[in-house]
Amino acid sequence: MPTKSTPKKNRPRSSIVVQRMLPAAPPEAQLRRYARAALRPGSAVTLRVVGAAEAKRLNAGYRGKAHATNVLSFCYDRRRGDVVLCHPVIRREAKAQQKALAAHYAHLVVHGILHLRGHDHARRRDAARMERAEVRILRRLGFADPYAELAALK
């Protein structure tokens, strides 16, 4: 006699759009996997991998800083936003920190998405809370603690 299966929770699916402006960027599936690990169900996010010129223009226009930065987050509400990743900066940082490019991308995608979820690192206590969340998510993805790795380099 067949048994009834327990119904699955109806969790809203997240939408992850990836825009790779540079062919050297990690594959879309890999970026989606990193994003999915940090997103709340039902979220909608666009990951955009850009060059230094676009990252510099965005950083200057939105943050008043005249240089390209590794990641920028643009939050529209707690479930929707854009994360812009600058490939040349990320590649350079990964090399300087002696870590795999995939590990650094995973960290910065998670970091950017946590910003979309309302995390911040302006105050020490908030930074510690955000770092713990990053480490927990990265561990589930199979990556080491990026802050422990940085401390070991100093």
C-alpha atoms as a PDB file:
ATOM      1  CA  MET A   1       0.000   0.000   0.000  1.00  0.00           C
ATOM      2  CA  PRO A   2       1.519   3.383  -0.987  1.00  0.00           C
ATOM      3  CA  THR A   3       2.233   5.837   1.761  1.00  0.00           C
ATOM      4  CA  LYS A   4       1.527   9.524   1.608  1.00  0.00           C
ATOM      5  CA  SER A   5       4.549  11.727   1.488  1.00  0.00           C
ATOM      6  CA  THR A   6       4.672  14.746   3.703  1.00  0.00           C
ATOM      7  CA  PRO A   7       4.043  17.907   1.747  1.00  0.00           C
ATOM      8  CA  LYS A   8       7.062  20.092   1.141  1.00  0.00           C
ATOM      9  CA  LYS A   9       7.047  23.634   2.364  1.00  0.00           C
ATOM     10  CA  ASN A  10       6.083  26.031  -0.357  1.00  0.00           C
ATOM     11  CA  ARG A  11       9.134  28.218  -0.266  1.00  0.00           C
ATOM     12  CA  PRO A  12       9.209  31.044  -2.773  1.00  0.00           C
ATOM     13  CA  ARG A  13      12.004  30.632  -5.291  1.00  0.00           C
ATOM     14  CA  SER A  14      14.712  33.233  -5.568  1.00  0.00           C
ATOM     15  CA  SER A  15      15.592  34.900  -8.842  1.00  0.00           C
ATOM     16  CA  ILE A  16      19.290  35.293  -9.586  1.00  0.00           C
ATOM     17  CA  VAL A  17      20.318  37.017 -12.808  1.00  0.00           C
ATOM     18  CA  VAL A  18      24.009  36.957 -13.699  1.00  0.00           C
ATOM     19  CA  GLN A  19      25.543  39.487 -16.080  1.00  0.00           C
ATOM     20  CA  ARG A  20      29.118  38.577 -16.911  1.00  0.00           C
ATOM     21  CA  MET A  21      30.617  41.500 -18.781  1.00  0.00           C
ATOM     22  CA  LEU A  22      34.037  39.833 -18.893  1.00  0.00           C
ATOM     23  CA  PRO A  23      34.692  36.338 -20.278  1.00  0.00           C
ATOM     24  CA  ALA A  24      37.312  35.669 -17.563  1.00  0.00           C
ATOM     25  CA  ALA A  25      34.678  35.877 -14.826  1.00  0.00           C
ATOM     26  CA  PRO A  26      33.570  32.674 -13.074  1.00  0.00           C
ATOM     27  CA  PRO A  27      30.759  30.692 -14.725  1.00  0.00           C
ATOM     28  CA  GLU A  28      27.178  31.815 -14.116  1.00  0.00           C
ATOM     29  CA  ALA A  29      26.249  28.566 -12.337  1.00  0.00           C
ATOM     30  CA  GLN A  30      29.088  29.022  -9.865  1.00  0.00           C
ATOM     31  CA  LEU A  31      28.071  32.632  -9.081  1.00  0.00           C
ATOM     32  CA  ARG A  32      24.425  31.582  -8.678  1.00  0.00           C
ATOM     33  CA  ARG A  33      25.440  28.865  -6.218  1.00  0.00           C
ATOM     34  CA  TYR A  34      27.306  31.393  -4.060  1.00  0.00           C
ATOM     35  CA  ALA A  35      24.371  33.810  -4.178  1.00  0.00           C
ATOM     36  CA  ARG A  36      21.761  31.159  -3.393  1.00  0.00           C
ATOM     37  CA  ALA A  37      23.656  30.202  -0.228  1.00  0.00           C
ATOM     38  CA  ALA A  38      23.227  33.716   1.193  1.00  0.00           C
ATOM     39  CA  LEU A  39      19.823  34.736  -0.191  1.00  0.00           C
ATOM     40  CA  ARG A  40      16.516  34.604   1.616  1.00  0.00           C
ATOM     41  CA  PRO A  41      13.836  32.607  -0.220  1.00  0.00           C
ATOM     42  CA  GLY A  42      11.867  34.776  -2.617  1.00  0.00           C
ATOM     43  CA  SER A  43      14.687  37.247  -3.181  1.00  0.00           C
ATOM     44  CA  ALA A  44      15.569  38.772  -6.537  1.00  0.00           C
ATOM     45  CA  VAL A  45      19.165  39.738  -7.160  1.00  0.00           C
ATOM     46  CA  THR A  46      21.311  40.626 -10.141  1.00  0.00           C
ATOM     47  CA  LEU A  47      25.018  39.805  -9.999  1.00  0.00           C
ATOM     48  CA  ARG A  48      26.991  41.902 -12.459  1.00  0.00           C
ATOM     49  CA  VAL A  49      30.690  41.209 -13.060  1.00  0.00           C
ATOM     50  CA  VAL A  50      32.352  44.305 -14.503  1.00  0.00           C
ATOM     51  CA  GLY A  51      35.719  45.769 -15.420  1.00  0.00           C
ATOM     52  CA  ALA A  52      37.621  48.417 -13.500  1.00  0.00           C
ATOM     53  CA  ALA A  53      36.257  51.389 -15.466  1.00  0.00           C
ATOM     54  CA  GLU A  54      32.611  50.576 -14.678  1.00  0.00           C
ATOM     55  CA  ALA A  55      33.397  49.778 -11.036  1.00  0.00           C
ATOM     56  CA  LYS A  56      35.265  53.068 -10.696  1.00  0.00           C
ATOM     57  CA  ARG A  57      32.392  55.010 -12.274  1.00  0.00           C
ATOM     58  CA  LEU A  58      29.820  53.394  -9.965  1.00  0.00           C
ATOM     59  CA  ASN A  59      31.978  53.816  -6.861  1.00  0.00           C
ATOM     60  CA  ALA A  60      32.540  57.501  -7.676  1.00  0.00           C
ATOM     61  CA  GLY A  61      28.905  58.140  -8.487  1.00  0.00           C
ATOM     62  CA  TYR A  62      27.365  56.389  -5.493  1.00  0.00           C
ATOM     63  CA  ARG A  63      30.045  56.486  -2.809  1.00  0.00           C
ATOM     64  CA  GLY A  64      32.190  59.471  -3.844  1.00  0.00           C
ATOM     65  CA  LYS A  65      35.331  57.305  -4.038  1.00  0.00           C
ATOM     66  CA  ALA A  66      37.560  57.739  -7.099  1.00  0.00           C
ATOM     67  CA  HIS A  67      38.713  54.130  -7.472  1.00  0.00           C
ATOM     68  CA  ALA A  68      37.375  50.738  -8.463  1.00  0.00           C
ATOM     69  CA  THR A  69      36.318  48.584  -5.524  1.00  0.00           C
ATOM     70  CA  ASN A  70      35.833  44.818  -5.301  1.00  0.00           C
ATOM     71  CA  VAL A  71      32.068  44.736  -4.578  1.00  0.00           C
ATOM     72  CA  LEU A  72      29.191  47.205  -4.491  1.00  0.00           C
ATOM     73  CA  SER A  73      25.668  46.433  -3.309  1.00  0.00           C
ATOM     74  CA  PHE A  74      22.580  48.347  -4.377  1.00  0.00           C
ATOM     75  CA  CYS A  75      19.625  47.489  -2.169  1.00  0.00           C
ATOM     76  CA  TYR A  76      16.078  48.274  -3.315  1.00  0.00           C
ATOM     77  CA  ASP A  77      14.438  46.541  -0.347  1.00  0.00           C
ATOM     78  CA  ARG A  78      15.332  43.569   1.887  1.00  0.00           C
ATOM     79  CA  ARG A  79      14.629  41.079  -0.915  1.00  0.00           C
ATOM     80  CA  ARG A  80      15.725  42.885  -4.092  1.00  0.00           C
ATOM     81  CA  GLY A  81      19.009  44.382  -5.187  1.00  0.00           C
ATOM     82  CA  ASP A  82      22.090  44.326  -7.361  1.00  0.00           C
ATOM     83  CA  VAL A  83      25.604  43.200  -6.505  1.00  0.00           C
ATOM     84  CA  VAL A  84      28.386  44.535  -8.744  1.00  0.00           C
ATOM     85  CA  LEU A  85      31.674  42.629  -8.670  1.00  0.00           C
ATOM     86  CA  CYS A  86      34.850  44.082 -10.200  1.00  0.00           C
ATOM     87  CA  HIS A  87      36.798  41.211 -11.733  1.00  0.00           C
ATOM     88  CA  PRO A  88      40.227  42.918 -12.040  1.00  0.00           C
ATOM     89  CA  VAL A  89      40.165  44.038  -8.396  1.00  0.00           C
ATOM     90  CA  ILE A  90      38.947  40.639  -7.168  1.00  0.00           C
ATOM     91  CA  ARG A  91      41.614  38.836  -9.198  1.00  0.00           C
ATOM     92  CA  ARG A  92      44.342  41.167  -7.869  1.00  0.00           C
ATOM     93  CA  GLU A  93      43.167  40.770  -4.249  1.00  0.00           C
ATOM     94  CA  ALA A  94      42.979  36.977  -4.514  1.00  0.00           C
ATOM     95  CA  LYS A  95      46.548  36.872  -5.786  1.00  0.00           C
ATOM     96  CA  ALA A  96      47.795  39.256  -3.067  1.00  0.00           C
ATOM     97  CA  GLN A  97      45.969  37.264  -0.361  1.00  0.00           C
ATOM     98  CA  GLN A  98      47.232  33.967  -1.803  1.00  0.00           C
ATOM     99  CA  LYS A  99      43.760  32.483  -2.089  1.00  0.00           C
ATOM    100  CA  ALA A 100      41.885  30.774  -4.884  1.00  0.00           C
ATOM    101  CA  LEU A 101      39.915  33.110  -7.126  1.00  0.00           C
ATOM    102  CA  ALA A 102      36.768  31.021  -6.559  1.00  0.00           C
ATOM    103  CA  ALA A 103      37.109  31.407  -2.774  1.00  0.00           C
ATOM    104  CA  HIS A 104      37.450  35.174  -3.046  1.00  0.00           C
ATOM    105  CA  TYR A 105      34.482  35.425  -5.420  1.00  0.00           C
ATOM    106  CA  ALA A 106      32.389  33.297  -3.054  1.00  0.00           C
ATOM    107  CA  HIS A 107      33.296  35.568  -0.151  1.00  0.00           C
ATOM    108  CA  LEU A 108      32.470  38.770  -2.026  1.00  0.00           C
ATOM    109  CA  VAL A 109      29.186  37.472  -3.460  1.00  0.00           C
ATOM    110  CA  VAL A 110      28.116  36.414   0.040  1.00  0.00           C
ATOM    111  CA  HIS A 111      29.336  39.733   1.463  1.00  0.00           C
ATOM    112  CA  GLY A 112      27.407  41.730  -1.127  1.00  0.00           C
ATOM    113  CA  ILE A 113      24.212  39.762  -0.584  1.00  0.00           C
ATOM    114  CA  LEU A 114      24.441  40.146   3.181  1.00  0.00           C
ATOM    115  CA  HIS A 115      24.521  43.904   2.587  1.00  0.00           C
ATOM    116  CA  LEU A 116      21.290  43.507   0.606  1.00  0.00           C
ATOM    117  CA  ARG A 117      19.821  41.687   3.608  1.00  0.00           C
ATOM    118  CA  GLY A 118      20.603  44.650   5.864  1.00  0.00           C
ATOM    119  CA  HIS A 119      23.995  43.694   7.288  1.00  0.00           C
ATOM    120  CA  ASP A 120      26.610  46.393   7.693  1.00  0.00           C
ATOM    121  CA  HIS A 121      30.159  46.687   8.986  1.00  0.00           C
ATOM    122  CA  ALA A 122      30.358  50.364   9.926  1.00  0.00           C
ATOM    123  CA  ARG A 123      30.432  49.588  13.664  1.00  0.00           C
ATOM    124  CA  ARG A 124      32.661  46.952  15.245  1.00  0.00           C
ATOM    125  CA  ARG A 125      29.758  44.914  16.671  1.00  0.00           C
ATOM    126  CA  ASP A 126      27.903  44.926  13.333  1.00  0.00           C
ATOM    127  CA  ALA A 127      31.087  43.961  11.505  1.00  0.00           C
ATOM    128  CA  ALA A 128      31.623  40.994  13.832  1.00  0.00           C
ATOM    129  CA  ARG A 129      28.026  39.843  13.292  1.00  0.00           C
ATOM    130  CA  MET A 130      28.385  40.146   9.505  1.00  0.00           C
ATOM    131  CA  GLU A 131      31.708  38.292   9.521  1.00  0.00           C
ATOM    132  CA  ARG A 132      30.189  35.413  11.522  1.00  0.00           C
ATOM    133  CA  ALA A 133      27.371  35.150   8.965  1.00  0.00           C
ATOM    134  CA  GLU A 134      29.875  35.176   6.090  1.00  0.00           C
ATOM    135  CA  VAL A 135      32.031  32.473   7.691  1.00  0.00           C
ATOM    136  CA  ARG A 136      28.976  30.269   8.391  1.00  0.00           C
ATOM    137  CA  ILE A 137      27.700  30.557   4.787  1.00  0.00           C
ATOM    138  CA  LEU A 138      31.159  30.079   3.254  1.00  0.00           C
ATOM    139  CA  ARG A 139      31.705  26.977   5.406  1.00  0.00           C
ATOM    140  CA  ARG A 140      28.474  25.490   4.006  1.00  0.00           C
ATOM    141  CA  LEU A 141      29.840  26.197   0.522  1.00  0.00           C
ATOM    142  CA  GLY A 142      33.082  24.386   1.400  1.00  0.00           C
ATOM    143  CA  PHE A 143      35.348  27.435   1.782  1.00  0.00           C
ATOM    144  CA  ALA A 144      37.651  28.326   4.658  1.00  0.00           C
ATOM    145  CA  ASP A 145      37.218  31.341   6.922  1.00  0.00           C
ATOM    146  CA  PRO A 146      38.527  34.269   4.820  1.00  0.00           C
ATOM    147  CA  TYR A 147      39.268  36.354   7.930  1.00  0.00           C
ATOM    148  CA  ALA A 148      41.454  33.647   9.463  1.00  0.00           C
ATOM    149  CA  GLU A 149      43.351  33.422   6.176  1.00  0.00           C
ATOM    150  CA  LEU A 150      43.920  37.210   6.154  1.00  0.00           C
ATOM    151  CA  ALA A 151      45.126  37.174   9.762  1.00  0.00           C
ATOM    152  CA  ALA A 152      47.616  34.428   8.908  1.00  0.00           C
ATOM    153  CA  LEU A 153      49.134  36.621   6.155  1.00  0.00           C
ATOM    154  CA  LYS A 154      49.829  39.510   8.556  1.00  0.00           C
END
